[in-house]
Amino acid sequence: MVDGVIKDSAHRHLVADEDITHAREHWLVAHTLTDVQRHPFTMYVGPDRAGNLIEVGENWEGDIIHAQPARPQYLPRTKRQQGRRQPWTR
């Protein structure tokens, strides 16, 4: 369940509220990051209602501030990929 508010910034990539909520509730992987002010920020990757993986960003207040189709750097890696350097990493 989403405790905070789904902010307008989460709609930039035209992801529906129901898909955001579904992905947040059924996430597969979560990444803890920090924003530019060094506040904690969690990026969840989960399926939308159609099963497509999307990323959902939740700020330290519990508000959803980001949603879009999942990018490769946030997708779960298989065991085989974990030891290999990916083209999108440094």
N, C-alpha and C. Protein backbone atom coordinates (compact mmCIF):
# COMPACT_ATOMS: atom_id res chain seq x y z
N MET A 1 0.84 -1.17 0.00
CA MET A 1 0.00 0.00 0.00
C MET A 1 0.89 1.24 0.00
N VAL A 2 0.50 2.24 -0.75
CA VAL A 2 1.23 3.49 -0.82
C VAL A 2 0.72 4.37 0.32
N ASP A 3 1.63 4.73 1.23
CA ASP A 3 1.22 5.54 2.39
C ASP A 3 1.14 7.02 2.06
N GLY A 4 2.00 7.49 1.18
CA GLY A 4 2.04 8.91 0.83
C GLY A 4 1.14 9.23 -0.34
N VAL A 5 1.47 10.34 -0.96
CA VAL A 5 0.70 10.87 -2.09
C VAL A 5 1.46 10.58 -3.39
N ILE A 6 0.73 10.31 -4.45
CA ILE A 6 1.36 10.19 -5.77
C ILE A 6 1.44 11.60 -6.34
N LYS A 7 2.65 12.14 -6.39
CA LYS A 7 2.87 13.53 -6.83
C LYS A 7 2.73 13.65 -8.34
N ASP A 8 2.52 14.87 -8.82
CA ASP A 8 2.39 15.12 -10.26
C ASP A 8 3.63 14.70 -11.04
N SER A 9 4.81 14.82 -10.41
CA SER A 9 6.05 14.44 -11.10
C SER A 9 6.07 12.96 -11.48
N ALA A 10 5.32 12.13 -10.77
CA ALA A 10 5.26 10.70 -11.08
C ALA A 10 4.52 10.42 -12.38
N HIS A 11 3.77 11.40 -12.87
CA HIS A 11 2.99 11.21 -14.10
C HIS A 11 3.70 11.69 -15.35
N ARG A 12 4.94 12.12 -15.21
CA ARG A 12 5.69 12.65 -16.35
C ARG A 12 5.77 11.65 -17.50
N HIS A 13 5.89 10.36 -17.18
CA HIS A 13 6.01 9.32 -18.21
C HIS A 13 4.69 8.60 -18.45
N LEU A 14 3.59 9.23 -18.03
CA LEU A 14 2.22 8.76 -18.30
C LEU A 14 1.91 7.38 -17.73
N VAL A 15 2.44 7.08 -16.55
CA VAL A 15 2.12 5.83 -15.87
C VAL A 15 0.89 6.08 -15.00
N ALA A 16 -0.10 5.21 -15.12
CA ALA A 16 -1.37 5.36 -14.39
C ALA A 16 -1.17 5.12 -12.89
N ASP A 17 -1.99 5.79 -12.08
CA ASP A 17 -1.93 5.63 -10.62
C ASP A 17 -2.08 4.17 -10.20
N GLU A 18 -2.98 3.45 -10.86
CA GLU A 18 -3.22 2.05 -10.51
C GLU A 18 -1.98 1.20 -10.78
N ASP A 19 -1.26 1.51 -11.86
CA ASP A 19 -0.03 0.78 -12.18
C ASP A 19 1.07 1.12 -11.18
N ILE A 20 1.15 2.39 -10.79
CA ILE A 20 2.14 2.80 -9.79
C ILE A 20 1.90 2.07 -8.48
N THR A 21 0.66 2.06 -8.04
CA THR A 21 0.30 1.39 -6.79
C THR A 21 0.58 -0.10 -6.87
N HIS A 22 0.24 -0.73 -7.99
CA HIS A 22 0.47 -2.16 -8.15
C HIS A 22 1.96 -2.50 -8.08
N ALA A 23 2.77 -1.73 -8.79
CA ALA A 23 4.22 -1.98 -8.79
C ALA A 23 4.82 -1.75 -7.40
N ARG A 24 4.35 -0.74 -6.70
CA ARG A 24 4.87 -0.44 -5.36
C ARG A 24 4.50 -1.54 -4.37
N GLU A 25 3.31 -2.10 -4.51
CA GLU A 25 2.85 -3.15 -3.60
C GLU A 25 3.46 -4.51 -3.91
N HIS A 26 3.83 -4.75 -5.17
CA HIS A 26 4.34 -6.06 -5.60
C HIS A 26 5.77 -5.96 -6.13
N TRP A 27 6.60 -5.15 -5.51
CA TRP A 27 7.95 -4.91 -6.01
C TRP A 27 8.81 -6.16 -5.95
N LEU A 28 9.76 -6.23 -6.88
CA LEU A 28 10.69 -7.36 -6.97
C LEU A 28 12.06 -7.01 -6.41
N VAL A 29 12.46 -5.77 -6.60
CA VAL A 29 13.76 -5.31 -6.10
C VAL A 29 13.62 -3.85 -5.69
N ALA A 30 14.37 -3.46 -4.66
CA ALA A 30 14.37 -2.08 -4.19
C ALA A 30 15.80 -1.60 -4.06
N HIS A 31 16.05 -0.38 -4.49
CA HIS A 31 17.37 0.24 -4.40
C HIS A 31 17.25 1.48 -3.52
N THR A 32 18.10 1.58 -2.50
CA THR A 32 18.11 2.77 -1.67
C THR A 32 19.16 3.72 -2.20
N LEU A 33 18.75 4.92 -2.51
CA LEU A 33 19.61 5.95 -3.08
C LEU A 33 19.49 7.21 -2.22
N THR A 34 20.18 8.27 -2.62
CA THR A 34 19.99 9.57 -1.98
C THR A 34 19.73 10.60 -3.07
N ASP A 35 18.90 11.58 -2.73
CA ASP A 35 18.63 12.64 -3.70
C ASP A 35 19.69 13.73 -3.57
N VAL A 36 19.53 14.82 -4.30
CA VAL A 36 20.54 15.87 -4.31
C VAL A 36 20.71 16.55 -2.95
N GLN A 37 19.70 16.53 -2.11
CA GLN A 37 19.82 17.08 -0.76
C GLN A 37 20.24 16.02 0.26
N ARG A 38 20.64 14.86 -0.25
CA ARG A 38 21.10 13.73 0.58
C ARG A 38 19.99 13.12 1.45
N HIS A 39 18.77 13.24 1.00
CA HIS A 39 17.66 12.54 1.66
C HIS A 39 17.56 11.14 1.09
N PRO A 40 17.15 10.17 1.91
CA PRO A 40 16.98 8.81 1.38
C PRO A 40 15.85 8.76 0.35
N PHE A 41 16.04 7.91 -0.64
CA PHE A 41 15.11 7.78 -1.76
C PHE A 41 15.13 6.31 -2.15
N THR A 42 13.98 5.70 -2.31
CA THR A 42 13.92 4.29 -2.66
C THR A 42 13.33 4.11 -4.04
N MET A 43 14.03 3.37 -4.88
CA MET A 43 13.55 3.06 -6.22
C MET A 43 13.09 1.60 -6.20
N TYR A 44 11.79 1.40 -6.39
CA TYR A 44 11.21 0.05 -6.44
C TYR A 44 11.02 -0.34 -7.89
N VAL A 45 11.26 -1.61 -8.20
CA VAL A 45 10.97 -2.14 -9.52
C VAL A 45 9.94 -3.25 -9.32
N GLY A 46 8.82 -3.12 -10.02
CA GLY A 46 7.77 -4.11 -9.90
C GLY A 46 6.89 -4.09 -11.14
N PRO A 47 5.98 -5.06 -11.24
CA PRO A 47 5.12 -5.14 -12.43
C PRO A 47 3.94 -4.18 -12.35
N ASP A 48 3.59 -3.63 -13.51
CA ASP A 48 2.33 -2.89 -13.57
C ASP A 48 1.20 -3.91 -13.71
N ARG A 49 -0.01 -3.49 -13.91
CA ARG A 49 -1.14 -4.43 -13.98
C ARG A 49 -1.05 -5.36 -15.18
N ALA A 50 -0.30 -4.99 -16.22
CA ALA A 50 -0.13 -5.84 -17.41
C ALA A 50 1.10 -6.74 -17.31
N GLY A 51 1.88 -6.59 -16.24
CA GLY A 51 3.07 -7.41 -16.06
C GLY A 51 4.36 -6.79 -16.57
N ASN A 52 4.29 -5.57 -17.10
CA ASN A 52 5.50 -4.88 -17.55
C ASN A 52 6.22 -4.30 -16.34
N LEU A 53 7.54 -4.39 -16.30
CA LEU A 53 8.28 -3.87 -15.17
C LEU A 53 8.41 -2.35 -15.26
N ILE A 54 8.07 -1.70 -14.16
CA ILE A 54 8.23 -0.25 -14.06
C ILE A 54 9.02 0.07 -12.80
N GLU A 55 9.64 1.24 -12.79
CA GLU A 55 10.34 1.70 -11.60
C GLU A 55 9.50 2.79 -10.95
N VAL A 56 9.44 2.75 -9.64
CA VAL A 56 8.65 3.69 -8.86
C VAL A 56 9.55 4.28 -7.79
N GLY A 57 9.71 5.60 -7.80
CA GLY A 57 10.55 6.28 -6.82
C GLY A 57 9.74 6.86 -5.69
N GLU A 58 10.16 6.53 -4.46
CA GLU A 58 9.47 7.01 -3.26
C GLU A 58 10.45 7.83 -2.43
N ASN A 59 10.06 9.05 -2.06
CA ASN A 59 10.96 9.88 -1.27
C ASN A 59 10.90 9.52 0.21
N TRP A 60 11.69 10.22 1.02
CA TRP A 60 11.81 9.92 2.45
C TRP A 60 10.51 10.17 3.20
N GLU A 61 9.58 10.91 2.62
CA GLU A 61 8.29 11.16 3.26
C GLU A 61 7.23 10.13 2.88
N GLY A 62 7.58 9.19 2.00
CA GLY A 62 6.64 8.18 1.57
C GLY A 62 5.82 8.56 0.36
N ASP A 63 6.13 9.70 -0.25
CA ASP A 63 5.41 10.14 -1.44
C ASP A 63 6.05 9.55 -2.70
N ILE A 64 5.22 9.17 -3.66
CA ILE A 64 5.70 8.66 -4.93
C ILE A 64 6.01 9.86 -5.82
N ILE A 65 7.26 9.99 -6.24
CA ILE A 65 7.66 11.16 -7.02
C ILE A 65 8.16 10.80 -8.42
N HIS A 66 8.24 9.50 -8.72
CA HIS A 66 8.79 9.08 -10.02
C HIS A 66 8.17 7.76 -10.43
N ALA A 67 7.87 7.61 -11.72
CA ALA A 67 7.40 6.33 -12.27
C ALA A 67 7.65 6.32 -13.77
N GLN A 68 8.21 5.23 -14.25
CA GLN A 68 8.46 5.06 -15.69
C GLN A 68 8.80 3.60 -15.95
N PRO A 69 8.82 3.20 -17.23
CA PRO A 69 9.27 1.83 -17.54
C PRO A 69 10.67 1.61 -16.96
N ALA A 70 10.90 0.43 -16.43
CA ALA A 70 12.16 0.14 -15.74
C ALA A 70 13.35 0.22 -16.68
N ARG A 71 14.40 0.91 -16.22
CA ARG A 71 15.65 1.02 -16.97
C ARG A 71 16.57 -0.13 -16.56
N PRO A 72 17.50 -0.52 -17.42
CA PRO A 72 18.36 -1.67 -17.15
C PRO A 72 19.10 -1.61 -15.83
N GLN A 73 19.56 -0.44 -15.41
CA GLN A 73 20.36 -0.37 -14.19
C GLN A 73 19.57 -0.69 -12.93
N TYR A 74 18.24 -0.69 -13.00
CA TYR A 74 17.42 -1.01 -11.84
C TYR A 74 16.82 -2.41 -11.90
N LEU A 75 17.01 -3.11 -13.00
CA LEU A 75 16.45 -4.46 -13.13
C LEU A 75 17.24 -5.46 -12.30
N PRO A 76 16.57 -6.49 -11.80
CA PRO A 76 17.29 -7.54 -11.07
C PRO A 76 18.28 -8.24 -12.00
N ARG A 77 19.45 -8.57 -11.48
CA ARG A 77 20.46 -9.26 -12.28
C ARG A 77 20.43 -10.75 -11.97
N THR A 78 20.74 -11.54 -12.98
CA THR A 78 20.86 -12.97 -12.77
C THR A 78 22.23 -13.25 -12.17
N LYS A 79 22.43 -14.44 -11.65
CA LYS A 79 23.73 -14.80 -11.06
C LYS A 79 24.85 -14.66 -12.08
N ARG A 80 24.56 -15.02 -13.30
CA ARG A 80 25.58 -14.96 -14.35
C ARG A 80 26.01 -13.52 -14.64
N GLN A 81 25.10 -12.57 -14.55
CA GLN A 81 25.40 -11.18 -14.85
C GLN A 81 26.13 -10.47 -13.71
N GLN A 82 26.01 -10.96 -12.49
CA GLN A 82 26.53 -10.25 -11.34
C GLN A 82 28.04 -10.04 -11.39
N GLY A 83 28.79 -10.98 -11.94
CA GLY A 83 30.23 -10.83 -11.99
C GLY A 83 30.73 -10.08 -13.20
N ARG A 84 29.88 -9.82 -14.15
CA ARG A 84 30.26 -9.19 -15.40
C ARG A 84 29.96 -7.69 -15.39
N ARG A 85 30.87 -6.91 -15.90
CA ARG A 85 30.65 -5.47 -15.99
C ARG A 85 29.64 -5.19 -17.11
N GLN A 86 28.66 -4.41 -16.77
CA GLN A 86 27.61 -4.08 -17.74
C GLN A 86 27.97 -2.79 -18.46
N PRO A 87 27.52 -2.60 -19.71
CA PRO A 87 27.88 -1.40 -20.46
C PRO A 87 27.38 -0.10 -19.83
N TRP A 88 26.34 -0.15 -18.99
CA TRP A 88 25.80 1.07 -18.40
C TRP A 88 26.41 1.38 -17.03
N THR A 89 27.39 0.59 -16.58
CA THR A 89 28.03 0.86 -15.29
C THR A 89 29.42 1.42 -15.51
N ARG A 90 29.97 1.99 -14.47
CA ARG A 90 31.33 2.53 -14.54
C ARG A 90 32.32 1.61 -13.91
